[in-house]
């Protein structure tokens, strides 16, 4: 296995709203899929490596206190950050250097989850 992290489930309150937010911020399609008893928003690049999905569930609650997921915004970090506020999110920490690992911005998504937007440049 090439990656330690292989998948993530991001809890959301409103799946359609969250799909719009992540599509705008990531600049790639987020695909709504239905399974028996569950609808998800499949994040980009699921077939090519590490990815995840958005899901609504009474048991799972969005949070600013849980693990911090880093999402790939390579080469478009300023555009991704600009899309946060206009799509119902909030920038907590603007773009800042994280040493040899590049840059990140910490944001709250449209559902109340704290996430990191990451780029090496």
N, C-alpha and C. Protein backbone atom coordinates (compact mmCIF):
# COMPACT_ATOMS: atom_id res chain seq x y z
N UNK A 1 0.84 -1.18 0.00
CA UNK A 1 0.00 0.00 0.00
C UNK A 1 0.89 1.24 0.00
N UNK A 2 0.64 2.13 -0.95
CA UNK A 2 1.49 3.32 -1.12
C UNK A 2 1.16 4.44 -0.15
N UNK A 3 -0.07 4.54 0.30
CA UNK A 3 -0.49 5.64 1.16
C UNK A 3 -1.03 5.12 2.49
N UNK A 4 -0.63 5.76 3.56
CA UNK A 4 -1.15 5.38 4.87
C UNK A 4 -2.63 5.70 4.98
N UNK A 5 -3.02 6.86 4.52
CA UNK A 5 -4.43 7.24 4.51
C UNK A 5 -5.00 6.80 3.16
N UNK A 6 -6.09 6.06 3.17
CA UNK A 6 -6.65 5.55 1.92
C UNK A 6 -8.05 6.09 1.61
N UNK A 7 -8.76 6.58 2.62
CA UNK A 7 -10.13 7.05 2.39
C UNK A 7 -10.54 7.92 3.56
N UNK A 8 -11.49 8.83 3.32
CA UNK A 8 -12.08 9.58 4.41
C UNK A 8 -13.56 9.78 4.14
N UNK A 9 -14.34 9.75 5.17
CA UNK A 9 -15.77 10.09 5.11
C UNK A 9 -15.91 11.44 5.81
N UNK A 10 -16.42 12.43 5.10
CA UNK A 10 -16.61 13.75 5.67
C UNK A 10 -18.09 13.93 5.96
N UNK A 11 -18.48 14.05 7.24
CA UNK A 11 -19.90 14.19 7.56
C UNK A 11 -20.44 15.55 7.14
N UNK A 12 -21.67 15.55 6.64
CA UNK A 12 -22.31 16.79 6.20
C UNK A 12 -23.76 16.81 6.68
N UNK A 13 -24.30 18.01 6.77
CA UNK A 13 -25.72 18.18 7.13
C UNK A 13 -26.59 18.17 5.89
N UNK A 14 -26.14 18.83 4.83
CA UNK A 14 -26.90 18.98 3.59
C UNK A 14 -25.99 18.54 2.44
N UNK A 15 -26.24 17.36 1.89
CA UNK A 15 -25.35 16.78 0.89
C UNK A 15 -25.23 17.65 -0.35
N UNK A 16 -26.33 18.16 -0.87
CA UNK A 16 -26.27 18.97 -2.08
C UNK A 16 -25.48 20.26 -1.86
N UNK A 17 -25.68 20.90 -0.72
CA UNK A 17 -24.93 22.12 -0.40
C UNK A 17 -23.43 21.80 -0.28
N UNK A 18 -23.11 20.69 0.38
CA UNK A 18 -21.71 20.29 0.55
C UNK A 18 -21.07 19.95 -0.79
N UNK A 19 -21.81 19.30 -1.67
CA UNK A 19 -21.28 18.99 -3.00
C UNK A 19 -20.94 20.28 -3.74
N UNK A 20 -21.81 21.27 -3.67
CA UNK A 20 -21.53 22.56 -4.32
C UNK A 20 -20.27 23.20 -3.74
N UNK A 21 -20.14 23.18 -2.40
CA UNK A 21 -18.97 23.77 -1.73
C UNK A 21 -17.69 23.08 -2.20
N UNK A 22 -17.63 21.77 -2.10
CA UNK A 22 -16.40 21.05 -2.43
C UNK A 22 -16.07 21.12 -3.91
N UNK A 23 -17.08 21.12 -4.77
CA UNK A 23 -16.84 21.28 -6.21
C UNK A 23 -16.20 22.64 -6.48
N UNK A 24 -16.71 23.69 -5.86
CA UNK A 24 -16.17 25.03 -6.06
C UNK A 24 -14.75 25.16 -5.49
N UNK A 25 -14.52 24.63 -4.31
CA UNK A 25 -13.23 24.77 -3.65
C UNK A 25 -12.16 23.89 -4.32
N UNK A 26 -12.51 22.66 -4.66
CA UNK A 26 -11.53 21.75 -5.26
C UNK A 26 -11.38 21.95 -6.75
N UNK A 27 -12.36 22.61 -7.38
CA UNK A 27 -12.27 22.87 -8.81
C UNK A 27 -12.41 21.62 -9.67
N UNK A 28 -13.02 20.60 -9.13
CA UNK A 28 -13.23 19.33 -9.83
C UNK A 28 -14.62 18.81 -9.49
N UNK A 29 -15.15 17.91 -10.31
CA UNK A 29 -16.48 17.36 -10.02
C UNK A 29 -16.52 16.57 -8.71
N UNK A 30 -17.62 16.72 -8.01
CA UNK A 30 -17.95 15.88 -6.87
C UNK A 30 -19.26 15.19 -7.28
N UNK A 31 -19.20 13.88 -7.38
CA UNK A 31 -20.29 13.12 -7.99
C UNK A 31 -21.23 12.55 -6.94
N UNK A 32 -22.51 12.86 -7.08
CA UNK A 32 -23.51 12.30 -6.17
C UNK A 32 -23.82 10.87 -6.60
N UNK A 33 -23.76 9.95 -5.64
CA UNK A 33 -24.05 8.54 -5.90
C UNK A 33 -25.03 8.04 -4.85
N UNK A 34 -25.86 7.10 -5.25
CA UNK A 34 -26.85 6.52 -4.34
C UNK A 34 -26.58 5.04 -4.16
N UNK A 35 -26.67 4.61 -2.93
CA UNK A 35 -26.57 3.21 -2.56
C UNK A 35 -27.77 2.90 -1.69
N UNK A 36 -28.11 1.64 -1.50
CA UNK A 36 -29.26 1.33 -0.63
C UNK A 36 -29.11 1.98 0.75
N UNK A 37 -30.02 2.88 1.06
CA UNK A 37 -30.03 3.52 2.37
C UNK A 37 -29.00 4.62 2.55
N UNK A 38 -28.29 5.03 1.47
CA UNK A 38 -27.24 6.02 1.65
C UNK A 38 -26.97 6.75 0.34
N UNK A 39 -26.81 8.07 0.43
CA UNK A 39 -26.34 8.90 -0.67
C UNK A 39 -25.01 9.50 -0.26
N UNK A 40 -24.09 9.60 -1.22
CA UNK A 40 -22.78 10.19 -0.94
C UNK A 40 -22.42 11.17 -2.03
N UNK A 41 -21.45 12.02 -1.76
CA UNK A 41 -20.80 12.85 -2.75
C UNK A 41 -19.38 12.35 -2.88
N UNK A 42 -19.07 11.69 -3.97
CA UNK A 42 -17.75 11.11 -4.18
C UNK A 42 -16.76 12.21 -4.55
N UNK A 43 -15.71 12.36 -3.75
CA UNK A 43 -14.69 13.37 -4.00
C UNK A 43 -13.85 13.00 -5.21
N UNK A 44 -13.15 13.96 -5.82
CA UNK A 44 -12.36 13.69 -7.03
C UNK A 44 -11.29 12.64 -6.83
N UNK A 45 -10.93 12.02 -7.94
CA UNK A 45 -9.78 11.11 -8.03
C UNK A 45 -9.92 9.82 -7.24
N UNK A 46 -11.14 9.39 -6.97
CA UNK A 46 -11.35 8.17 -6.18
C UNK A 46 -10.76 6.94 -6.87
N UNK A 47 -10.72 6.94 -8.19
CA UNK A 47 -10.19 5.79 -8.92
C UNK A 47 -8.67 5.81 -9.04
N UNK A 48 -8.06 6.95 -8.74
CA UNK A 48 -6.62 7.10 -8.95
C UNK A 48 -5.79 7.05 -7.67
N UNK A 49 -6.40 6.94 -6.52
CA UNK A 49 -5.62 6.93 -5.29
C UNK A 49 -6.46 7.30 -4.11
N UNK A 50 -5.90 8.04 -3.20
CA UNK A 50 -6.56 8.42 -1.97
C UNK A 50 -7.69 9.41 -2.27
N UNK A 51 -8.83 9.18 -1.68
CA UNK A 51 -9.97 10.08 -1.86
C UNK A 51 -10.92 9.91 -0.69
N UNK A 52 -12.19 10.17 -0.92
CA UNK A 52 -13.18 10.03 0.13
C UNK A 52 -14.54 10.47 -0.37
N UNK A 53 -15.44 10.64 0.58
CA UNK A 53 -16.78 11.04 0.20
C UNK A 53 -17.39 11.94 1.26
N UNK A 54 -18.43 12.64 0.84
CA UNK A 54 -19.28 13.42 1.73
C UNK A 54 -20.48 12.55 2.03
N UNK A 55 -20.96 12.54 3.28
CA UNK A 55 -22.13 11.73 3.58
C UNK A 55 -22.94 12.37 4.69
N UNK A 56 -24.25 12.23 4.58
CA UNK A 56 -25.16 12.72 5.61
C UNK A 56 -25.68 11.52 6.40
N UNK A 57 -25.64 11.63 7.71
CA UNK A 57 -26.10 10.55 8.58
C UNK A 57 -26.50 11.13 9.92
N UNK A 58 -27.57 10.63 10.53
CA UNK A 58 -27.95 11.13 11.85
C UNK A 58 -26.87 10.87 12.92
N UNK A 59 -26.06 9.85 12.71
CA UNK A 59 -25.03 9.49 13.70
C UNK A 59 -23.76 10.32 13.58
N UNK A 60 -23.47 10.81 12.39
CA UNK A 60 -22.22 11.54 12.16
C UNK A 60 -22.50 13.03 12.12
N UNK A 61 -21.72 13.79 12.85
CA UNK A 61 -21.92 15.23 12.94
C UNK A 61 -20.66 15.97 12.47
N UNK A 62 -20.84 16.99 11.61
CA UNK A 62 -19.69 17.82 11.25
C UNK A 62 -19.06 18.43 12.51
N UNK A 63 -17.74 18.67 12.45
CA UNK A 63 -17.06 19.16 13.65
C UNK A 63 -15.80 19.95 13.29
N UNK A 64 -15.49 20.92 14.12
CA UNK A 64 -14.22 21.63 14.02
C UNK A 64 -13.19 21.04 14.97
N UNK A 65 -13.57 20.02 15.72
CA UNK A 65 -12.71 19.46 16.75
C UNK A 65 -12.06 18.13 16.39
N UNK A 66 -12.43 17.54 15.26
CA UNK A 66 -11.91 16.22 14.90
C UNK A 66 -10.59 16.30 14.14
N UNK A 67 -10.22 15.19 13.50
CA UNK A 67 -8.98 15.17 12.72
C UNK A 67 -9.00 16.22 11.62
N UNK A 68 -7.84 16.71 11.26
CA UNK A 68 -7.72 17.73 10.22
C UNK A 68 -7.34 17.04 8.91
N UNK A 69 -8.26 17.05 7.95
CA UNK A 69 -8.02 16.46 6.64
C UNK A 69 -7.40 17.50 5.72
N UNK A 70 -6.35 17.12 5.01
CA UNK A 70 -5.70 17.98 4.03
C UNK A 70 -6.21 17.59 2.65
N UNK A 71 -6.76 18.55 1.92
CA UNK A 71 -7.27 18.30 0.58
C UNK A 71 -6.37 18.96 -0.45
N UNK A 72 -6.13 18.26 -1.54
CA UNK A 72 -5.19 18.69 -2.56
C UNK A 72 -5.76 19.83 -3.39
N UNK A 73 -5.12 20.98 -3.31
CA UNK A 73 -5.46 22.15 -4.13
C UNK A 73 -4.21 22.60 -4.88
N UNK A 74 -3.41 21.64 -5.30
CA UNK A 74 -2.13 21.92 -5.94
C UNK A 74 -2.28 22.87 -7.12
N UNK A 75 -1.49 23.95 -7.08
CA UNK A 75 -1.46 24.91 -8.16
C UNK A 75 -2.65 25.85 -8.23
N UNK A 76 -3.59 25.72 -7.30
CA UNK A 76 -4.77 26.58 -7.33
C UNK A 76 -5.22 26.98 -5.93
N UNK A 77 -4.29 27.00 -4.99
CA UNK A 77 -4.64 27.32 -3.61
C UNK A 77 -5.31 28.68 -3.46
N UNK A 78 -4.82 29.76 -4.10
CA UNK A 78 -5.51 31.06 -3.97
C UNK A 78 -6.96 31.01 -4.49
N UNK A 79 -7.18 30.29 -5.58
CA UNK A 79 -8.53 30.16 -6.15
C UNK A 79 -9.43 29.38 -5.19
N UNK A 80 -8.89 28.31 -4.61
CA UNK A 80 -9.65 27.50 -3.66
C UNK A 80 -10.03 28.33 -2.43
N UNK A 81 -9.09 29.09 -1.90
CA UNK A 81 -9.36 29.91 -0.72
C UNK A 81 -10.42 30.95 -1.05
N UNK A 82 -10.35 31.55 -2.23
CA UNK A 82 -11.34 32.56 -2.63
C UNK A 82 -12.73 31.96 -2.74
N UNK A 83 -12.83 30.67 -3.04
CA UNK A 83 -14.14 30.01 -3.19
C UNK A 83 -14.78 29.66 -1.86
N UNK A 84 -14.03 29.70 -0.78
CA UNK A 84 -14.56 29.27 0.52
C UNK A 84 -15.72 30.14 0.99
N UNK A 85 -15.49 31.42 1.18
CA UNK A 85 -16.53 32.31 1.72
C UNK A 85 -17.77 32.39 0.84
N UNK A 86 -17.57 32.48 -0.48
CA UNK A 86 -18.73 32.65 -1.36
C UNK A 86 -19.54 31.37 -1.50
N UNK A 87 -19.02 30.26 -0.97
CA UNK A 87 -19.75 28.99 -1.00
C UNK A 87 -20.15 28.52 0.39
N UNK A 88 -20.26 29.45 1.32
CA UNK A 88 -20.79 29.13 2.64
C UNK A 88 -19.80 28.68 3.67
N UNK A 89 -18.51 28.80 3.40
CA UNK A 89 -17.49 28.42 4.38
C UNK A 89 -16.87 29.64 5.03
N UNK A 90 -15.78 29.41 5.77
CA UNK A 90 -15.10 30.50 6.46
C UNK A 90 -13.61 30.17 6.51
N UNK A 91 -12.79 31.14 6.17
CA UNK A 91 -11.34 30.97 6.26
C UNK A 91 -10.91 31.26 7.69
N UNK A 92 -10.30 30.27 8.35
CA UNK A 92 -9.78 30.44 9.71
C UNK A 92 -8.35 30.94 9.69
N UNK A 93 -7.52 30.35 8.84
CA UNK A 93 -6.12 30.74 8.69
C UNK A 93 -5.84 30.86 7.20
N UNK A 94 -5.49 32.05 6.72
CA UNK A 94 -5.19 32.19 5.29
C UNK A 94 -3.95 31.38 4.92
N UNK A 95 -3.61 31.39 3.65
CA UNK A 95 -2.45 30.65 3.15
C UNK A 95 -1.22 30.96 3.98
N UNK A 96 -0.56 29.90 4.43
CA UNK A 96 0.69 30.07 5.18
C UNK A 96 1.60 28.87 4.93
N UNK A 97 2.90 29.13 5.07
CA UNK A 97 3.90 28.10 4.82
C UNK A 97 3.89 27.06 5.93
N UNK A 98 4.14 25.81 5.53
CA UNK A 98 4.30 24.72 6.50
C UNK A 98 5.64 24.01 6.21
N UNK A 99 6.68 24.83 6.16
CA UNK A 99 8.04 24.32 5.96
C UNK A 99 8.22 23.67 4.59
N UNK A 100 8.95 22.57 4.58
CA UNK A 100 9.25 21.85 3.34
C UNK A 100 8.02 21.20 2.72
N UNK A 101 6.88 21.24 3.42
CA UNK A 101 5.67 20.56 2.95
C UNK A 101 4.77 21.47 2.13
N UNK A 102 5.16 22.72 1.94
CA UNK A 102 4.39 23.61 1.09
C UNK A 102 3.57 24.62 1.87
N UNK A 103 2.31 24.75 1.46
CA UNK A 103 1.42 25.76 2.03
C UNK A 103 0.06 25.17 2.32
N UNK A 104 -0.62 25.79 3.27
CA UNK A 104 -1.98 25.37 3.58
C UNK A 104 -2.80 26.58 4.01
N UNK A 105 -4.09 26.41 3.96
CA UNK A 105 -5.05 27.33 4.57
C UNK A 105 -6.01 26.45 5.36
N UNK A 106 -6.39 26.91 6.53
CA UNK A 106 -7.35 26.17 7.35
C UNK A 106 -8.69 26.86 7.20
N UNK A 107 -9.72 26.08 6.85
CA UNK A 107 -11.04 26.64 6.60
C UNK A 107 -12.12 25.79 7.29
N UNK A 108 -13.28 26.41 7.43
CA UNK A 108 -14.48 25.68 7.85
C UNK A 108 -15.31 25.49 6.59
N UNK A 109 -15.74 24.27 6.30
CA UNK A 109 -16.54 24.04 5.10
C UNK A 109 -17.97 24.50 5.31
N UNK A 110 -18.81 24.32 4.31
CA UNK A 110 -20.20 24.77 4.38
C UNK A 110 -21.01 24.03 5.44
N UNK A 111 -20.48 22.93 5.96
CA UNK A 111 -21.21 22.11 6.92
C UNK A 111 -20.71 22.24 8.35
N UNK A 112 -19.58 22.93 8.54
CA UNK A 112 -19.04 23.11 9.89
C UNK A 112 -17.82 22.26 10.19
N UNK A 113 -17.25 21.60 9.18
CA UNK A 113 -16.02 20.81 9.36
C UNK A 113 -14.80 21.69 9.15
N UNK A 114 -13.79 21.50 9.98
CA UNK A 114 -12.50 22.16 9.79
C UNK A 114 -11.67 21.30 8.86
N UNK A 115 -11.17 21.88 7.77
CA UNK A 115 -10.33 21.16 6.80
C UNK A 115 -9.14 22.03 6.43
N UNK A 116 -8.11 21.41 5.86
CA UNK A 116 -6.95 22.13 5.36
C UNK A 116 -6.94 22.03 3.83
N UNK A 117 -6.68 23.14 3.18
CA UNK A 117 -6.47 23.16 1.74
C UNK A 117 -4.97 23.25 1.53
N UNK A 118 -4.40 22.35 0.74
CA UNK A 118 -2.94 22.19 0.67
C UNK A 118 -2.43 22.32 -0.76
N UNK A 119 -1.24 22.91 -0.89
CA UNK A 119 -0.52 22.96 -2.15
C UNK A 119 0.97 23.02 -1.85
N UNK A 120 1.76 22.37 -2.66
CA UNK A 120 3.21 22.43 -2.48
C UNK A 120 3.78 23.76 -2.94
N UNK A 121 3.02 24.48 -3.77
CA UNK A 121 3.50 25.77 -4.28
C UNK A 121 2.57 26.90 -3.87
